[in-house]
Protein backbone atom coordinates (compact mmCIF):
# COMPACT_ATOMS: atom_id res chain seq x y z
CA MET A 1 -202.56 29.15 71.68
CA ARG A 2 -201.48 31.41 74.26
CA LYS A 3 -200.77 35.33 73.86
CA LEU A 4 -197.80 36.80 75.51
CA PRO A 5 -198.29 39.99 77.23
CA THR A 6 -196.94 43.21 75.75
CA TRP A 7 -193.57 44.84 77.42
CA LYS A 8 -196.31 47.37 78.84
CA GLU A 9 -198.32 44.51 80.44
CA LEU A 10 -195.18 42.44 82.03
CA THR A 11 -195.17 42.73 85.78
CA LEU A 12 -192.31 44.95 87.29
CA ALA A 13 -189.82 42.39 88.39
CA GLY A 14 -185.95 42.91 89.33
CA ILE A 15 -184.02 46.16 90.54
CA ILE A 16 -184.75 49.48 89.26
CA THR A 17 -182.39 51.93 90.29
CA GLU A 18 -181.25 55.38 88.79
CA ALA A 19 -180.73 55.84 84.85
CA GLY A 20 -177.02 55.54 83.69
CA ASN A 21 -176.02 53.20 86.50
CA SER A 22 -174.54 50.65 84.49
CA VAL A 23 -170.75 51.80 85.33
CA GLU A 24 -171.54 50.73 88.80
CA TYR A 25 -172.19 46.96 87.72
CA LYS A 26 -168.65 45.16 87.21
CA THR A 27 -169.33 42.26 84.83
CA GLY A 28 -166.22 41.45 84.03
CA ASN A 29 -165.67 38.68 86.00
CA TRP A 30 -167.81 35.94 84.30
CA ARG A 31 -165.38 35.89 80.96
CA THR A 32 -163.45 32.76 80.46
CA LEU A 33 -161.49 34.64 77.45
CA THR A 34 -159.87 37.80 77.72
CA PRO A 35 -158.15 40.41 74.97
CA VAL A 36 -154.69 40.67 74.81
CA VAL A 37 -153.14 43.24 72.68
CA ASN A 38 -149.68 43.28 70.68
CA TYR A 39 -148.82 46.97 71.08
CA ASP A 40 -146.00 46.90 68.82
CA GLU A 41 -148.53 46.02 65.96
CA CYS A 42 -151.24 47.93 67.25
CA ILE A 43 -152.09 51.34 65.05
CA LYS A 44 -154.24 52.91 67.60
CA CYS A 45 -157.20 52.92 65.55
CA GLY A 46 -159.59 52.52 67.94
CA VAL A 47 -161.77 49.79 66.57
CA CYS A 48 -161.65 47.76 69.41
CA TRP A 49 -163.50 50.65 71.58
CA SER A 50 -165.89 51.34 68.67
CA PHE A 51 -167.01 47.79 68.25
CA CYS A 52 -167.03 47.01 71.82
CA PRO A 53 -170.48 46.49 73.29
CA GLU A 54 -169.60 47.16 76.73
CA TYR A 55 -167.38 50.09 76.20
CA ALA A 56 -164.50 48.07 77.85
CA TRP A 57 -161.75 49.88 75.94
CA GLU A 58 -160.15 53.16 77.27
CA GLU A 59 -157.83 55.54 75.82
CA GLY A 60 -154.55 56.06 77.58
CA GLU A 61 -152.57 59.11 77.30
CA ASP A 62 -150.51 57.28 75.15
CA SER A 63 -153.45 57.06 72.42
CA PHE A 64 -153.37 53.17 73.00
CA PHE A 65 -156.40 51.58 73.90
CA LYS A 66 -156.53 49.53 77.19
CA LEU A 67 -158.65 46.94 78.52
CA ASN A 68 -160.87 47.47 81.81
CA THR A 69 -161.28 44.08 82.87
CA ASP A 70 -164.20 45.38 85.22
CA TYR A 71 -166.49 45.37 82.15
CA CYS A 72 -165.05 42.98 79.69
CA LYS A 73 -167.40 39.80 78.95
CA GLY A 74 -164.79 38.25 76.75
CA CYS A 75 -167.19 38.23 73.97
CA GLY A 76 -164.04 38.53 71.21
CA ILE A 77 -165.80 40.87 69.11
CA CYS A 78 -162.52 43.36 69.28
CA ALA A 79 -160.38 40.59 68.29
CA VAL A 80 -162.61 39.92 65.25
CA GLU A 81 -163.04 43.45 64.01
CA CYS A 82 -159.33 44.52 64.62
CA PRO A 83 -157.95 45.33 61.01
CA ARG A 84 -154.23 44.43 62.18
CA LYS A 85 -155.17 41.40 64.02
CA CYS A 86 -152.74 42.37 66.93
CA ILE A 87 -155.63 41.60 69.44
CA LYS A 88 -155.72 37.79 70.34
CA MET A 89 -158.43 35.96 73.07
CA VAL A 90 -156.65 34.05 75.29
CA GLU A 91 -158.22 31.71 78.32
CA LEU A 92 -157.64 33.01 81.65
């Protein structure tokens, strides 16, 4: 059986840049679904923001959370976790 290398033994590959630069890489253009919020039902709880693995939700001046489509990958976690079920995933 072949032994896989540990992470320390792996050869360097990919692009290494400054730490904290992920904001420079807009990844939302590969999604096929997008969340749509019914703001009449939204209670501004921020659950969409707290569960989003990409932090694609941003709190607006009106305290509603708005989607930043530059980073949303369309995973749908926000729609699943929304306690009011006011977020629906729709095809683009």
